[in-house]
Amino acid sequence: MLSPEQLRYAETHEWSVLEDDIATIGISDFAVEQLTDLVFIELPEVGQQVTRSAPFGEIESVKAVSDLYSPVDGEILEINQALVDDLSLLSSDPYGNGWLVKIRIASGTSLDHLLDFKAYQEQIAQEDH
Protein backbone atom coordinates (compact mmCIF):
# COMPACT_ATOMS: atom_id res chain seq x y z
CA MET A 1 0.00 0.00 0.00
CA LEU A 2 1.16 3.50 -0.80
CA SER A 3 1.49 6.08 1.91
CA PRO A 4 -0.11 9.48 1.21
CA GLU A 5 3.31 11.10 1.68
CA GLN A 6 4.65 9.26 -1.42
CA LEU A 7 2.00 10.66 -3.76
CA ARG A 8 1.53 13.82 -5.81
CA TYR A 9 -1.82 15.64 -5.78
CA ALA A 10 -3.91 17.72 -8.15
CA GLU A 11 -5.76 20.70 -6.70
CA THR A 12 -8.95 18.78 -7.62
CA HIS A 13 -7.98 16.03 -5.09
CA GLU A 14 -6.80 13.29 -7.45
CA TRP A 15 -3.57 11.61 -6.36
CA SER A 16 -0.95 10.14 -8.69
CA VAL A 17 2.07 7.92 -8.46
CA LEU A 18 4.37 7.22 -11.41
CA GLU A 19 6.13 3.92 -12.07
CA ASP A 20 8.10 3.97 -15.33
CA ASP A 21 5.56 5.45 -17.79
CA ILE A 22 2.43 4.29 -15.93
CA ALA A 23 0.59 6.69 -13.61
CA THR A 24 -1.83 5.20 -11.10
CA ILE A 25 -4.59 7.69 -10.25
CA GLY A 26 -6.99 7.78 -7.30
CA ILE A 27 -8.78 10.33 -5.15
CA SER A 28 -7.62 11.45 -1.74
CA ASP A 29 -9.09 10.41 1.57
CA PHE A 30 -10.09 14.07 2.06
CA ALA A 31 -12.12 13.98 -1.17
CA VAL A 32 -13.82 10.71 -0.18
CA GLU A 33 -14.77 12.22 3.19
CA GLN A 34 -16.14 15.37 1.54
CA LEU A 35 -18.27 13.38 -0.90
CA THR A 36 -19.74 11.00 1.73
CA ASP A 37 -22.18 8.19 0.85
CA LEU A 38 -20.88 7.26 -2.60
CA VAL A 39 -23.45 5.65 -4.89
CA PHE A 40 -21.91 5.48 -8.39
CA ILE A 41 -18.67 5.92 -10.33
CA GLU A 42 -18.19 6.27 -14.07
CA LEU A 43 -14.69 5.54 -15.36
CA PRO A 44 -13.38 5.83 -18.93
CA GLU A 45 -12.92 3.00 -21.41
CA VAL A 46 -9.53 1.31 -21.72
CA GLY A 47 -7.73 2.89 -24.68
CA GLN A 48 -9.35 6.30 -24.22
CA GLN A 49 -7.03 9.28 -24.48
CA VAL A 50 -7.11 11.67 -21.52
CA THR A 51 -5.87 15.23 -21.22
CA ARG A 52 -4.36 16.90 -18.18
CA SER A 53 -6.97 18.90 -16.22
CA ALA A 54 -9.86 17.51 -18.33
CA PRO A 55 -12.59 15.27 -16.86
CA PHE A 56 -12.20 11.53 -17.45
CA GLY A 57 -15.11 10.30 -15.35
CA GLU A 58 -17.61 11.09 -12.61
CA ILE A 59 -18.23 10.08 -9.05
CA GLU A 60 -21.67 10.43 -7.52
CA SER A 61 -22.66 10.66 -3.89
CA VAL A 62 -26.11 11.12 -2.43
CA LYS A 63 -25.47 14.88 -2.35
CA ALA A 64 -23.54 15.66 -5.55
CA VAL A 65 -22.01 14.49 -8.81
CA SER A 66 -18.33 15.43 -9.17
CA ASP A 67 -16.03 15.22 -12.17
CA LEU A 68 -12.80 13.24 -11.93
CA TYR A 69 -9.91 15.09 -13.60
CA SER A 70 -6.85 13.60 -15.21
CA PRO A 71 -3.62 14.91 -13.70
CA VAL A 72 -1.68 13.84 -16.82
CA ASP A 73 -1.94 13.44 -20.59
CA GLY A 74 -2.02 9.85 -21.77
CA GLU A 75 -3.99 6.70 -22.54
CA ILE A 76 -6.15 4.69 -20.15
CA LEU A 77 -4.49 1.29 -19.72
CA GLU A 78 -6.67 -0.15 -16.98
CA ILE A 79 -9.67 0.73 -14.86
CA ASN A 80 -10.29 -0.64 -11.37
CA GLN A 81 -13.30 -2.87 -12.05
CA ALA A 82 -13.31 -4.02 -8.40
CA LEU A 83 -13.97 -0.40 -7.41
CA VAL A 84 -16.81 -0.06 -9.93
CA ASP A 85 -18.39 -3.15 -8.34
CA ASP A 86 -17.71 -2.07 -4.72
CA LEU A 87 -17.37 1.67 -4.03
CA SER A 88 -16.62 0.98 -0.35
CA LEU A 89 -13.00 0.35 -1.45
CA LEU A 90 -12.65 4.13 -1.79
CA SER A 91 -13.56 4.65 1.86
CA SER A 92 -11.63 1.69 3.24
CA ASP A 93 -8.45 1.96 1.13
CA PRO A 94 -8.27 5.15 -1.01
CA TYR A 95 -4.49 4.87 -1.49
CA GLY A 96 -4.41 1.14 -2.22
CA ASN A 97 -7.27 -0.99 -3.52
CA GLY A 98 -9.34 2.16 -4.13
CA TRP A 99 -7.26 3.37 -7.11
CA LEU A 100 -9.31 4.52 -10.13
CA VAL A 101 -7.30 4.15 -13.34
CA LYS A 102 -3.84 3.46 -14.71
CA ILE A 103 -2.65 5.78 -17.48
CA ARG A 104 0.31 5.35 -19.83
CA ILE A 105 1.59 8.90 -19.74
CA ALA A 106 2.43 10.81 -22.90
CA SER A 107 6.11 11.15 -23.73
CA GLY A 108 7.73 14.00 -21.85
CA THR A 109 5.03 14.03 -19.15
CA SER A 110 5.94 14.18 -15.46
CA LEU A 111 4.16 14.77 -12.18
CA ASP A 112 6.22 17.88 -11.40
CA HIS A 113 3.20 20.20 -11.81
CA LEU A 114 1.32 18.38 -9.01
CA LEU A 115 1.40 19.26 -5.31
CA ASP A 116 3.57 17.30 -2.93
CA PHE A 117 1.99 15.99 0.29
CA LYS A 118 2.90 19.06 2.37
CA ALA A 119 1.48 21.52 -0.18
CA TYR A 120 -1.67 19.40 -0.54
CA GLN A 121 -2.16 19.37 3.24
CA GLU A 122 -1.92 23.17 3.23
CA GLN A 123 -4.54 23.36 0.46
CA ILE A 124 -7.06 21.12 2.23
CA ALA A 125 -6.52 22.96 5.52
CA GLN A 126 -7.61 26.17 3.74
CA GLU A 127 -10.61 24.40 2.14
CA ASP A 128 -11.71 23.03 5.50
CA HIS A 129 -12.13 26.55 6.92
C-alpha atoms as a PDB file:
ATOM      1  CA  MET A   1       0.000   0.000   0.000  1.00  0.00           C
ATOM      2  CA  LEU A   2       1.164   3.500  -0.795  1.00  0.00           C
ATOM      3  CA  SER A   3       1.487   6.085   1.908  1.00  0.00           C
ATOM      4  CA  PRO A   4      -0.113   9.481   1.206  1.00  0.00           C
ATOM      5  CA  GLU A   5       3.313  11.099   1.676  1.00  0.00           C
ATOM      6  CA  GLN A   6       4.650   9.264  -1.421  1.00  0.00           C
ATOM      7  CA  LEU A   7       1.997  10.662  -3.761  1.00  0.00           C
ATOM      8  CA  ARG A   8       1.526  13.824  -5.811  1.00  0.00           C
ATOM      9  CA  TYR A   9      -1.821  15.641  -5.784  1.00  0.00           C
ATOM     10  CA  ALA A  10      -3.914  17.721  -8.152  1.00  0.00           C
ATOM     11  CA  GLU A  11      -5.762  20.699  -6.698  1.00  0.00           C
ATOM     12  CA  THR A  12      -8.947  18.784  -7.616  1.00  0.00           C
ATOM     13  CA  HIS A  13      -7.984  16.029  -5.093  1.00  0.00           C
ATOM     14  CA  GLU A  14      -6.802  13.289  -7.453  1.00  0.00           C
ATOM     15  CA  TRP A  15      -3.574  11.606  -6.356  1.00  0.00           C
ATOM     16  CA  SER A  16      -0.953  10.140  -8.685  1.00  0.00           C
ATOM     17  CA  VAL A  17       2.074   7.924  -8.462  1.00  0.00           C
ATOM     18  CA  LEU A  18       4.367   7.215 -11.406  1.00  0.00           C
ATOM     19  CA  GLU A  19       6.134   3.922 -12.070  1.00  0.00           C
ATOM     20  CA  ASP A  20       8.095   3.967 -15.330  1.00  0.00           C
ATOM     21  CA  ASP A  21       5.562   5.450 -17.793  1.00  0.00           C
ATOM     22  CA  ILE A  22       2.431   4.295 -15.929  1.00  0.00           C
ATOM     23  CA  ALA A  23       0.593   6.693 -13.612  1.00  0.00           C
ATOM     24  CA  THR A  24      -1.831   5.203 -11.103  1.00  0.00           C
ATOM     25  CA  ILE A  25      -4.591   7.690 -10.249  1.00  0.00           C
ATOM     26  CA  GLY A  26      -6.987   7.783  -7.297  1.00  0.00           C
ATOM     27  CA  ILE A  27      -8.778  10.335  -5.147  1.00  0.00           C
ATOM     28  CA  SER A  28      -7.624  11.445  -1.737  1.00  0.00           C
ATOM     29  CA  ASP A  29      -9.094  10.407   1.573  1.00  0.00           C
ATOM     30  CA  PHE A  30     -10.088  14.068   2.062  1.00  0.00           C
ATOM     31  CA  ALA A  31     -12.123  13.979  -1.174  1.00  0.00           C
ATOM     32  CA  VAL A  32     -13.815  10.714  -0.180  1.00  0.00           C
ATOM     33  CA  GLU A  33     -14.771  12.219   3.195  1.00  0.00           C
ATOM     34  CA  GLN A  34     -16.142  15.370   1.542  1.00  0.00           C
ATOM     35  CA  LEU A  35     -18.268  13.377  -0.899  1.00  0.00           C
ATOM     36  CA  THR A  36     -19.738  10.997   1.727  1.00  0.00           C
ATOM     37  CA  ASP A  37     -22.183   8.191   0.853  1.00  0.00           C
ATOM     38  CA  LEU A  38     -20.884   7.260  -2.601  1.00  0.00           C
ATOM     39  CA  VAL A  39     -23.447   5.647  -4.893  1.00  0.00           C
ATOM     40  CA  PHE A  40     -21.910   5.476  -8.393  1.00  0.00           C
ATOM     41  CA  ILE A  41     -18.671   5.922 -10.330  1.00  0.00           C
ATOM     42  CA  GLU A  42     -18.188   6.267 -14.071  1.00  0.00           C
ATOM     43  CA  LEU A  43     -14.695   5.539 -15.363  1.00  0.00           C
ATOM     44  CA  PRO A  44     -13.378   5.832 -18.932  1.00  0.00           C
ATOM     45  CA  GLU A  45     -12.915   3.001 -21.412  1.00  0.00           C
ATOM     46  CA  VAL A  46      -9.527   1.308 -21.724  1.00  0.00           C
ATOM     47  CA  GLY A  47      -7.727   2.890 -24.679  1.00  0.00           C
ATOM     48  CA  GLN A  48      -9.351   6.302 -24.219  1.00  0.00           C
ATOM     49  CA  GLN A  49      -7.026   9.283 -24.483  1.00  0.00           C
ATOM     50  CA  VAL A  50      -7.112  11.666 -21.518  1.00  0.00           C
ATOM     51  CA  THR A  51      -5.872  15.230 -21.219  1.00  0.00           C
ATOM     52  CA  ARG A  52      -4.365  16.900 -18.185  1.00  0.00           C
ATOM     53  CA  SER A  53      -6.973  18.897 -16.219  1.00  0.00           C
ATOM     54  CA  ALA A  54      -9.859  17.513 -18.326  1.00  0.00           C
ATOM     55  CA  PRO A  55     -12.586  15.275 -16.858  1.00  0.00           C
ATOM     56  CA  PHE A  56     -12.203  11.526 -17.446  1.00  0.00           C
ATOM     57  CA  GLY A  57     -15.107  10.295 -15.346  1.00  0.00           C
ATOM     58  CA  GLU A  58     -17.607  11.094 -12.610  1.00  0.00           C
ATOM     59  CA  ILE A  59     -18.227  10.077  -9.046  1.00  0.00           C
ATOM     60  CA  GLU A  60     -21.667  10.429  -7.523  1.00  0.00           C
ATOM     61  CA  SER A  61     -22.660  10.657  -3.887  1.00  0.00           C
ATOM     62  CA  VAL A  62     -26.110  11.121  -2.428  1.00  0.00           C
ATOM     63  CA  LYS A  63     -25.470  14.877  -2.345  1.00  0.00           C
ATOM     64  CA  ALA A  64     -23.540  15.661  -5.554  1.00  0.00           C
ATOM     65  CA  VAL A  65     -22.006  14.490  -8.809  1.00  0.00           C
ATOM     66  CA  SER A  66     -18.330  15.426  -9.173  1.00  0.00           C
ATOM     67  CA  ASP A  67     -16.032  15.217 -12.172  1.00  0.00           C
ATOM     68  CA  LEU A  68     -12.800  13.244 -11.933  1.00  0.00           C
ATOM     69  CA  TYR A  69      -9.910  15.095 -13.600  1.00  0.00           C
ATOM     70  CA  SER A  70      -6.848  13.604 -15.208  1.00  0.00           C
ATOM     71  CA  PRO A  71      -3.623  14.908 -13.702  1.00  0.00           C
ATOM     72  CA  VAL A  72      -1.679  13.843 -16.820  1.00  0.00           C
ATOM     73  CA  ASP A  73      -1.938  13.437 -20.587  1.00  0.00           C
ATOM     74  CA  GLY A  74      -2.023   9.847 -21.773  1.00  0.00           C
ATOM     75  CA  GLU A  75      -3.988   6.701 -22.538  1.00  0.00           C
ATOM     76  CA  ILE A  76      -6.154   4.691 -20.147  1.00  0.00           C
ATOM     77  CA  LEU A  77      -4.492   1.287 -19.716  1.00  0.00           C
ATOM     78  CA  GLU A  78      -6.666  -0.149 -16.977  1.00  0.00           C
ATOM     79  CA  ILE A  79      -9.672   0.732 -14.857  1.00  0.00           C
ATOM     80  CA  ASN A  80     -10.294  -0.640 -11.371  1.00  0.00           C
ATOM     81  CA  GLN A  81     -13.303  -2.873 -12.045  1.00  0.00           C
ATOM     82  CA  ALA A  82     -13.315  -4.016  -8.399  1.00  0.00           C
ATOM     83  CA  LEU A  83     -13.971  -0.404  -7.412  1.00  0.00           C
ATOM     84  CA  VAL A  84     -16.806  -0.057  -9.931  1.00  0.00           C
ATOM     85  CA  ASP A  85     -18.389  -3.145  -8.342  1.00  0.00           C
ATOM     86  CA  ASP A  86     -17.708  -2.070  -4.723  1.00  0.00           C
ATOM     87  CA  LEU A  87     -17.369   1.669  -4.026  1.00  0.00           C
ATOM     88  CA  SER A  88     -16.617   0.979  -0.348  1.00  0.00           C
ATOM     89  CA  LEU A  89     -13.002   0.352  -1.455  1.00  0.00           C
ATOM     90  CA  LEU A  90     -12.651   4.132  -1.788  1.00  0.00           C
ATOM     91  CA  SER A  91     -13.563   4.653   1.857  1.00  0.00           C
ATOM     92  CA  SER A  92     -11.627   1.694   3.236  1.00  0.00           C
ATOM     93  CA  ASP A  93      -8.448   1.963   1.126  1.00  0.00           C
ATOM     94  CA  PRO A  94      -8.273   5.151  -1.011  1.00  0.00           C
ATOM     95  CA  TYR A  95      -4.488   4.867  -1.493  1.00  0.00           C
ATOM     96  CA  GLY A  96      -4.410   1.142  -2.220  1.00  0.00           C
ATOM     97  CA  ASN A  97      -7.270  -0.994  -3.524  1.00  0.00           C
ATOM     98  CA  GLY A  98      -9.336   2.164  -4.128  1.00  0.00           C
ATOM     99  CA  TRP A  99      -7.263   3.370  -7.109  1.00  0.00           C
ATOM    100  CA  LEU A 100      -9.308   4.517 -10.133  1.00  0.00           C
ATOM    101  CA  VAL A 101      -7.300   4.154 -13.339  1.00  0.00           C
ATOM    102  CA  LYS A 102      -3.837   3.464 -14.706  1.00  0.00           C
ATOM    103  CA  ILE A 103      -2.654   5.778 -17.480  1.00  0.00           C
ATOM    104  CA  ARG A 104       0.309   5.353 -19.834  1.00  0.00           C
ATOM    105  CA  ILE A 105       1.593   8.899 -19.744  1.00  0.00           C
ATOM    106  CA  ALA A 106       2.426  10.811 -22.897  1.00  0.00           C
ATOM    107  CA  SER A 107       6.106  11.151 -23.730  1.00  0.00           C
ATOM    108  CA  GLY A 108       7.729  14.005 -21.846  1.00  0.00           C
ATOM    109  CA  THR A 109       5.034  14.032 -19.149  1.00  0.00           C
ATOM    110  CA  SER A 110       5.938  14.181 -15.460  1.00  0.00           C
ATOM    111  CA  LEU A 111       4.156  14.771 -12.181  1.00  0.00           C
ATOM    112  CA  ASP A 112       6.217  17.885 -11.402  1.00  0.00           C
ATOM    113  CA  HIS A 113       3.195  20.197 -11.808  1.00  0.00           C
ATOM    114  CA  LEU A 114       1.321  18.384  -9.009  1.00  0.00           C
ATOM    115  CA  LEU A 115       1.400  19.255  -5.314  1.00  0.00           C
ATOM    116  CA  ASP A 116       3.572  17.302  -2.930  1.00  0.00           C
ATOM    117  CA  PHE A 117       1.992  15.988   0.292  1.00  0.00           C
ATOM    118  CA  LYS A 118       2.896  19.062   2.375  1.00  0.00           C
ATOM    119  CA  ALA A 119       1.477  21.521  -0.178  1.00  0.00           C
ATOM    120  CA  TYR A 120      -1.668  19.405  -0.544  1.00  0.00           C
ATOM    121  CA  GLN A 121      -2.159  19.367   3.241  1.00  0.00           C
ATOM    122  CA  GLU A 122      -1.917  23.166   3.232  1.00  0.00           C
ATOM    123  CA  GLN A 123      -4.542  23.358   0.459  1.00  0.00           C
ATOM    124  CA  ILE A 124      -7.062  21.122   2.227  1.00  0.00           C
ATOM    125  CA  ALA A 125      -6.522  22.962   5.522  1.00  0.00           C
ATOM    126  CA  GLN A 126      -7.614  26.168   3.742  1.00  0.00           C
ATOM    127  CA  GLU A 127     -10.610  24.404   2.140  1.00  0.00           C
ATOM    128  CA  ASP A 128     -11.710  23.035   5.499  1.00  0.00           C
ATOM    129  CA  HIS A 129     -12.128  26.551   6.923  1.00  0.00           C
END
